[in-house]
Structures are given as C-alpha cells and as structure tokens.
Amino acid sequence: MPDPVAWNMIEPGWKVFDAEGQEIGTVHEVTGDENVDIFDGLAIKHGTLSKDQYVPSEHVAQILEGEVHLSLSQPQVEALETYVEPTEEQIIPEKSTWYQRIAWKWLTGRKR
C-alpha cells in the first residue's frame, strides 16, 4: 500500500477512488494556496471527453502516493458541479476615458 502524503504533493494524473474503492477518474488540477497551506479541492476527469468535476477538499478522505480517495459514493461524485477554472480579473480605473475602456475590451476580449 502506498504511503500517505500531503495535499500539495498531488499531481495531475493521479488515480481518484470513490468511497467504495472503485476508480472513478484522475486528478486534472489541484486548487489551493501552498503559501498558506490551504487545500481547496480537486478537479477530476472521468474520461477523455468528459468535463472536469470539482471535488471540495472536505470530501477527500485520504491521500496516498499516486492515489486520492474520496468520502463520496459514485452517484454523489456524478452529482458534483462542473469545474470552472478561476479567472483573473483586472479592474479599469473609473477615471479612464471611454476610448481607453473600448481599447481594453477590444485588446483583452474581457468585460469590465
């Protein structure tokens, strides 16, 4: 049996298991802040064409080298939300001119 490891050791591609021990997918992304040791959760992938699902950290029961075990059953995992990658938002100063705002939208494709 593999050794237990900390959350910040989890890597994409690690196997993910449900509460019954059945393999349900792989880790696609780990969310958290290593600087303050906060583990938010995982984005897991069930198959090549499937959308990632987000598993909050409170549903991670055990982390072993190469494996993540959840406290959720297969139906509970299937009911989880789709993972939406966080985006970084930049705020335009209120005193910017109308043409600066248009240029910002045109150059970045972002809304204010």
N, C-alpha and C. Protein backbone atom coordinates (compact mmCIF):
# COMPACT_ATOMS: atom_id res chain seq x y z
N MET A 1 0.85 -1.18 0.00
CA MET A 1 0.00 0.00 0.00
C MET A 1 0.89 1.24 0.00
N PRO A 2 0.55 2.24 -0.83
CA PRO A 2 1.35 3.47 -0.88
C PRO A 2 1.31 4.24 0.44
N ASP A 3 2.30 5.10 0.63
CA ASP A 3 2.38 5.91 1.84
C ASP A 3 1.48 7.14 1.75
N PRO A 4 0.93 7.60 2.90
CA PRO A 4 0.16 8.85 2.91
C PRO A 4 1.07 10.04 2.59
N VAL A 5 0.53 11.02 1.88
CA VAL A 5 1.28 12.24 1.54
C VAL A 5 0.39 13.46 1.76
N ALA A 6 1.00 14.63 1.76
CA ALA A 6 0.29 15.90 1.94
C ALA A 6 -0.43 16.29 0.65
N TRP A 7 -1.42 17.15 0.77
CA TRP A 7 -2.21 17.57 -0.40
C TRP A 7 -1.38 18.23 -1.47
N ASN A 8 -0.32 18.96 -1.06
CA ASN A 8 0.47 19.68 -2.06
C ASN A 8 1.39 18.76 -2.87
N MET A 9 1.36 17.48 -2.59
CA MET A 9 2.12 16.50 -3.38
C MET A 9 1.28 15.93 -4.52
N ILE A 10 -0.04 16.15 -4.49
CA ILE A 10 -0.93 15.61 -5.53
C ILE A 10 -0.55 16.19 -6.89
N GLU A 11 -0.52 15.32 -7.88
CA GLU A 11 -0.16 15.74 -9.24
C GLU A 11 -1.24 15.31 -10.22
N PRO A 12 -1.38 16.05 -11.33
CA PRO A 12 -2.31 15.63 -12.37
C PRO A 12 -1.99 14.20 -12.83
N GLY A 13 -3.04 13.43 -13.06
CA GLY A 13 -2.87 12.05 -13.49
C GLY A 13 -3.00 11.03 -12.37
N TRP A 14 -2.97 11.47 -11.12
CA TRP A 14 -3.15 10.53 -10.02
C TRP A 14 -4.54 9.93 -10.09
N LYS A 15 -4.69 8.69 -9.69
CA LYS A 15 -5.97 8.00 -9.71
C LYS A 15 -6.86 8.50 -8.58
N VAL A 16 -8.16 8.58 -8.87
CA VAL A 16 -9.14 9.01 -7.87
C VAL A 16 -10.11 7.86 -7.65
N PHE A 17 -10.38 7.55 -6.37
CA PHE A 17 -11.25 6.45 -5.99
C PHE A 17 -12.43 6.97 -5.19
N ASP A 18 -13.60 6.33 -5.36
CA ASP A 18 -14.77 6.71 -4.56
C ASP A 18 -14.71 6.03 -3.19
N ALA A 19 -15.74 6.21 -2.38
CA ALA A 19 -15.77 5.67 -1.02
C ALA A 19 -15.74 4.14 -0.99
N GLU A 20 -16.21 3.50 -2.05
CA GLU A 20 -16.22 2.03 -2.12
C GLU A 20 -14.91 1.46 -2.66
N GLY A 21 -13.98 2.33 -3.04
CA GLY A 21 -12.69 1.88 -3.55
C GLY A 21 -12.63 1.66 -5.05
N GLN A 22 -13.68 2.09 -5.77
CA GLN A 22 -13.70 1.96 -7.23
C GLN A 22 -13.01 3.17 -7.86
N GLU A 23 -12.16 2.93 -8.85
CA GLU A 23 -11.50 4.02 -9.54
C GLU A 23 -12.54 4.77 -10.37
N ILE A 24 -12.60 6.09 -10.18
CA ILE A 24 -13.62 6.88 -10.88
C ILE A 24 -13.03 7.92 -11.82
N GLY A 25 -11.73 8.10 -11.83
CA GLY A 25 -11.13 9.08 -12.71
C GLY A 25 -9.71 9.41 -12.29
N THR A 26 -9.26 10.56 -12.80
CA THR A 26 -7.91 11.02 -12.48
C THR A 26 -7.94 12.49 -12.08
N VAL A 27 -6.92 12.89 -11.35
CA VAL A 27 -6.77 14.29 -10.97
C VAL A 27 -6.38 15.08 -12.21
N HIS A 28 -7.10 16.17 -12.46
CA HIS A 28 -6.75 17.04 -13.58
C HIS A 28 -6.06 18.31 -13.06
N GLU A 29 -6.55 18.81 -11.92
CA GLU A 29 -5.97 20.02 -11.34
C GLU A 29 -6.19 20.04 -9.84
N VAL A 30 -5.26 20.64 -9.11
CA VAL A 30 -5.38 20.80 -7.66
C VAL A 30 -5.56 22.29 -7.38
N THR A 31 -6.54 22.63 -6.54
CA THR A 31 -6.75 24.04 -6.21
C THR A 31 -6.43 24.27 -4.75
N GLY A 32 -5.73 25.35 -4.49
CA GLY A 32 -5.34 25.70 -3.13
C GLY A 32 -4.24 26.73 -3.14
N ASP A 33 -3.77 27.09 -1.98
CA ASP A 33 -2.70 28.07 -1.83
C ASP A 33 -1.59 27.45 -0.99
N GLU A 34 -0.52 27.06 -1.65
CA GLU A 34 0.59 26.42 -0.95
C GLU A 34 1.28 27.36 0.03
N ASN A 35 1.24 28.67 -0.24
CA ASN A 35 1.92 29.63 0.64
C ASN A 35 1.34 29.65 2.04
N VAL A 36 0.04 29.42 2.17
CA VAL A 36 -0.61 29.42 3.48
C VAL A 36 -1.19 28.05 3.82
N ASP A 37 -0.84 27.04 3.04
CA ASP A 37 -1.24 25.64 3.26
C ASP A 37 -2.75 25.47 3.33
N ILE A 38 -3.43 26.00 2.31
CA ILE A 38 -4.88 25.85 2.22
C ILE A 38 -5.21 25.01 1.00
N PHE A 39 -5.85 23.87 1.24
CA PHE A 39 -6.26 22.95 0.18
C PHE A 39 -7.74 23.17 -0.09
N ASP A 40 -8.09 23.65 -1.27
CA ASP A 40 -9.49 23.92 -1.62
C ASP A 40 -10.19 22.70 -2.20
N GLY A 41 -9.52 21.99 -3.10
CA GLY A 41 -10.17 20.83 -3.70
C GLY A 41 -9.45 20.36 -4.95
N LEU A 42 -10.16 19.53 -5.72
CA LEU A 42 -9.59 18.92 -6.92
C LEU A 42 -10.55 19.05 -8.10
N ALA A 43 -9.98 19.14 -9.27
CA ALA A 43 -10.75 18.96 -10.50
C ALA A 43 -10.40 17.57 -10.99
N ILE A 44 -11.44 16.73 -11.16
CA ILE A 44 -11.18 15.36 -11.60
C ILE A 44 -11.81 15.14 -12.96
N LYS A 45 -11.19 14.27 -13.73
CA LYS A 45 -11.65 13.93 -15.07
C LYS A 45 -12.01 12.46 -15.09
N HIS A 46 -13.21 12.16 -15.65
CA HIS A 46 -13.69 10.79 -15.73
C HIS A 46 -13.27 10.10 -17.02
N GLY A 47 -13.07 10.87 -18.06
CA GLY A 47 -12.70 10.29 -19.35
C GLY A 47 -12.14 11.37 -20.26
N THR A 48 -11.72 10.98 -21.43
CA THR A 48 -11.07 11.91 -22.36
C THR A 48 -11.98 13.08 -22.74
N LEU A 49 -13.23 12.81 -23.03
CA LEU A 49 -14.14 13.86 -23.49
C LEU A 49 -15.03 14.43 -22.39
N SER A 50 -14.88 13.94 -21.17
CA SER A 50 -15.75 14.42 -20.08
C SER A 50 -15.28 15.77 -19.56
N LYS A 51 -16.23 16.50 -18.98
CA LYS A 51 -15.89 17.77 -18.35
C LYS A 51 -15.37 17.47 -16.95
N ASP A 52 -14.46 18.31 -16.49
CA ASP A 52 -13.92 18.16 -15.13
C ASP A 52 -15.02 18.42 -14.11
N GLN A 53 -14.95 17.69 -13.00
CA GLN A 53 -15.85 17.93 -11.88
C GLN A 53 -15.02 18.38 -10.69
N TYR A 54 -15.61 19.28 -9.91
CA TYR A 54 -14.91 19.84 -8.76
C TYR A 54 -15.27 19.07 -7.49
N VAL A 55 -14.24 18.61 -6.79
CA VAL A 55 -14.42 17.91 -5.52
C VAL A 55 -13.85 18.81 -4.42
N PRO A 56 -14.70 19.39 -3.55
CA PRO A 56 -14.19 20.19 -2.44
C PRO A 56 -13.31 19.35 -1.51
N SER A 57 -12.36 19.97 -0.88
CA SER A 57 -11.38 19.27 -0.04
C SER A 57 -12.02 18.48 1.09
N GLU A 58 -13.18 18.90 1.59
CA GLU A 58 -13.80 18.18 2.69
C GLU A 58 -14.28 16.79 2.30
N HIS A 59 -14.31 16.49 1.00
CA HIS A 59 -14.70 15.17 0.53
C HIS A 59 -13.51 14.28 0.19
N VAL A 60 -12.30 14.78 0.45
CA VAL A 60 -11.09 13.98 0.25
C VAL A 60 -10.80 13.26 1.57
N ALA A 61 -10.94 11.94 1.56
CA ALA A 61 -10.79 11.15 2.78
C ALA A 61 -9.33 10.80 3.05
N GLN A 62 -8.58 10.47 2.00
CA GLN A 62 -7.20 10.03 2.19
C GLN A 62 -6.40 10.33 0.93
N ILE A 63 -5.15 10.73 1.14
CA ILE A 63 -4.24 10.98 0.02
C ILE A 63 -3.04 10.06 0.19
N LEU A 64 -2.88 9.17 -0.76
CA LEU A 64 -1.74 8.27 -0.79
C LEU A 64 -0.91 8.59 -2.02
N GLU A 65 0.32 8.19 -2.04
CA GLU A 65 1.16 8.48 -3.19
C GLU A 65 0.55 7.87 -4.45
N GLY A 66 0.16 8.76 -5.38
CA GLY A 66 -0.43 8.33 -6.64
C GLY A 66 -1.92 8.09 -6.60
N GLU A 67 -2.55 8.26 -5.43
CA GLU A 67 -3.97 7.97 -5.28
C GLU A 67 -4.65 9.01 -4.38
N VAL A 68 -5.89 9.35 -4.75
CA VAL A 68 -6.73 10.20 -3.91
C VAL A 68 -8.03 9.45 -3.66
N HIS A 69 -8.37 9.25 -2.38
CA HIS A 69 -9.58 8.53 -2.01
C HIS A 69 -10.60 9.51 -1.47
N LEU A 70 -11.82 9.43 -2.01
CA LEU A 70 -12.89 10.34 -1.62
C LEU A 70 -13.83 9.68 -0.62
N SER A 71 -14.59 10.50 0.09
CA SER A 71 -15.60 10.00 1.03
C SER A 71 -16.97 9.97 0.37
N LEU A 72 -17.02 10.08 -0.95
CA LEU A 72 -18.26 10.11 -1.70
C LEU A 72 -18.47 8.82 -2.49
N SER A 73 -19.73 8.44 -2.65
CA SER A 73 -20.06 7.28 -3.49
C SER A 73 -20.07 7.72 -4.96
N GLN A 74 -20.14 6.76 -5.86
CA GLN A 74 -20.16 7.06 -7.29
C GLN A 74 -21.31 8.01 -7.66
N PRO A 75 -22.56 7.77 -7.20
CA PRO A 75 -23.65 8.70 -7.54
C PRO A 75 -23.42 10.11 -6.98
N GLN A 76 -22.82 10.21 -5.81
CA GLN A 76 -22.53 11.52 -5.23
C GLN A 76 -21.48 12.26 -6.05
N VAL A 77 -20.49 11.54 -6.55
CA VAL A 77 -19.46 12.14 -7.38
C VAL A 77 -20.08 12.63 -8.68
N GLU A 78 -20.96 11.85 -9.27
CA GLU A 78 -21.61 12.22 -10.53
C GLU A 78 -22.48 13.46 -10.36
N ALA A 79 -22.96 13.72 -9.14
CA ALA A 79 -23.81 14.87 -8.88
C ALA A 79 -23.01 16.16 -8.59
N LEU A 80 -21.69 16.06 -8.53
CA LEU A 80 -20.87 17.24 -8.25
C LEU A 80 -20.93 18.24 -9.39
N GLU A 81 -20.62 19.49 -9.06
CA GLU A 81 -20.62 20.55 -10.06
C GLU A 81 -19.46 20.41 -11.04
N THR A 82 -19.67 20.95 -12.23
CA THR A 82 -18.60 21.01 -13.23
C THR A 82 -17.57 22.02 -12.77
N TYR A 83 -16.30 21.69 -12.95
CA TYR A 83 -15.22 22.58 -12.52
C TYR A 83 -15.10 23.74 -13.49
N VAL A 84 -15.09 24.96 -12.95
CA VAL A 84 -14.88 26.16 -13.75
C VAL A 84 -13.57 26.77 -13.30
N GLU A 85 -12.64 26.87 -14.23
CA GLU A 85 -11.32 27.38 -13.89
C GLU A 85 -11.41 28.85 -13.48
N PRO A 86 -10.78 29.21 -12.36
CA PRO A 86 -10.83 30.60 -11.92
C PRO A 86 -10.14 31.52 -12.93
N THR A 87 -10.69 32.71 -13.08
CA THR A 87 -10.08 33.68 -13.99
C THR A 87 -9.61 34.87 -13.18
N GLU A 88 -8.60 35.51 -13.70
CA GLU A 88 -8.07 36.69 -13.05
C GLU A 88 -8.72 37.90 -13.69
N GLU A 89 -9.26 38.77 -12.89
CA GLU A 89 -9.96 39.94 -13.41
C GLU A 89 -9.14 41.18 -13.14
N GLN A 90 -9.05 42.02 -14.14
CA GLN A 90 -8.34 43.27 -13.97
C GLN A 90 -9.36 44.40 -14.01
N ILE A 91 -9.25 45.33 -13.10
CA ILE A 91 -10.22 46.40 -12.99
C ILE A 91 -9.65 47.66 -13.63
N ILE A 92 -10.46 48.27 -14.49
CA ILE A 92 -10.06 49.51 -15.14
C ILE A 92 -10.43 50.66 -14.19
N PRO A 93 -9.51 51.60 -13.98
CA PRO A 93 -9.82 52.73 -13.11
C PRO A 93 -11.05 53.50 -13.60
N GLU A 94 -11.85 54.00 -12.68
CA GLU A 94 -13.07 54.73 -13.02
C GLU A 94 -12.78 55.99 -13.84
N LYS A 95 -11.62 56.57 -13.67
CA LYS A 95 -11.31 57.82 -14.36
C LYS A 95 -10.78 57.59 -15.78
N SER A 96 -10.78 56.35 -16.25
CA SER A 96 -10.32 56.10 -17.61
C SER A 96 -11.34 56.63 -18.60
N THR A 97 -10.86 57.02 -19.76
CA THR A 97 -11.73 57.61 -20.78
C THR A 97 -12.49 56.52 -21.51
N TRP A 98 -13.51 56.91 -22.26
CA TRP A 98 -14.33 55.95 -22.99
C TRP A 98 -13.49 55.18 -24.00
N TYR A 99 -12.52 55.83 -24.63
CA TYR A 99 -11.72 55.12 -25.63
C TYR A 99 -10.73 54.17 -24.97
N GLN A 100 -10.29 54.45 -23.74
CA GLN A 100 -9.45 53.51 -23.01
C GLN A 100 -10.25 52.26 -22.66
N ARG A 101 -11.51 52.45 -22.29
CA ARG A 101 -12.38 51.32 -21.97
C ARG A 101 -12.65 50.46 -23.20
N ILE A 102 -12.91 51.09 -24.34
CA ILE A 102 -13.14 50.35 -25.57
C ILE A 102 -11.87 49.61 -25.97
N ALA A 103 -10.73 50.28 -25.87
CA ALA A 103 -9.46 49.64 -26.22
C ALA A 103 -9.21 48.44 -25.31
N TRP A 104 -9.53 48.58 -24.03
CA TRP A 104 -9.33 47.47 -23.09
C TRP A 104 -10.17 46.27 -23.51
N LYS A 105 -11.44 46.50 -23.82
CA LYS A 105 -12.32 45.41 -24.22
C LYS A 105 -11.85 44.80 -25.53
N TRP A 106 -11.43 45.62 -26.46
CA TRP A 106 -11.00 45.13 -27.76
C TRP A 106 -9.70 44.33 -27.65
N LEU A 107 -8.76 44.82 -26.87
CA LEU A 107 -7.45 44.14 -26.74
C LEU A 107 -7.52 42.87 -25.91
N THR A 108 -8.33 42.86 -24.88
CA THR A 108 -8.35 41.70 -23.99
C THR A 108 -9.54 40.78 -24.21
N GLY A 109 -10.57 41.29 -24.85
CA GLY A 109 -11.78 40.50 -25.03
C GLY A 109 -12.56 40.32 -23.74
N ARG A 110 -12.19 41.09 -22.72
CA ARG A 110 -12.84 40.99 -21.41
C ARG A 110 -13.81 42.14 -21.20
N LYS A 111 -14.78 41.86 -20.37
CA LYS A 111 -15.68 42.91 -19.95
C LYS A 111 -15.15 43.52 -18.67
N ARG A 112 -15.58 44.64 -18.38
CA ARG A 112 -15.13 45.33 -17.18
C ARG A 112 -15.55 44.68 -15.94
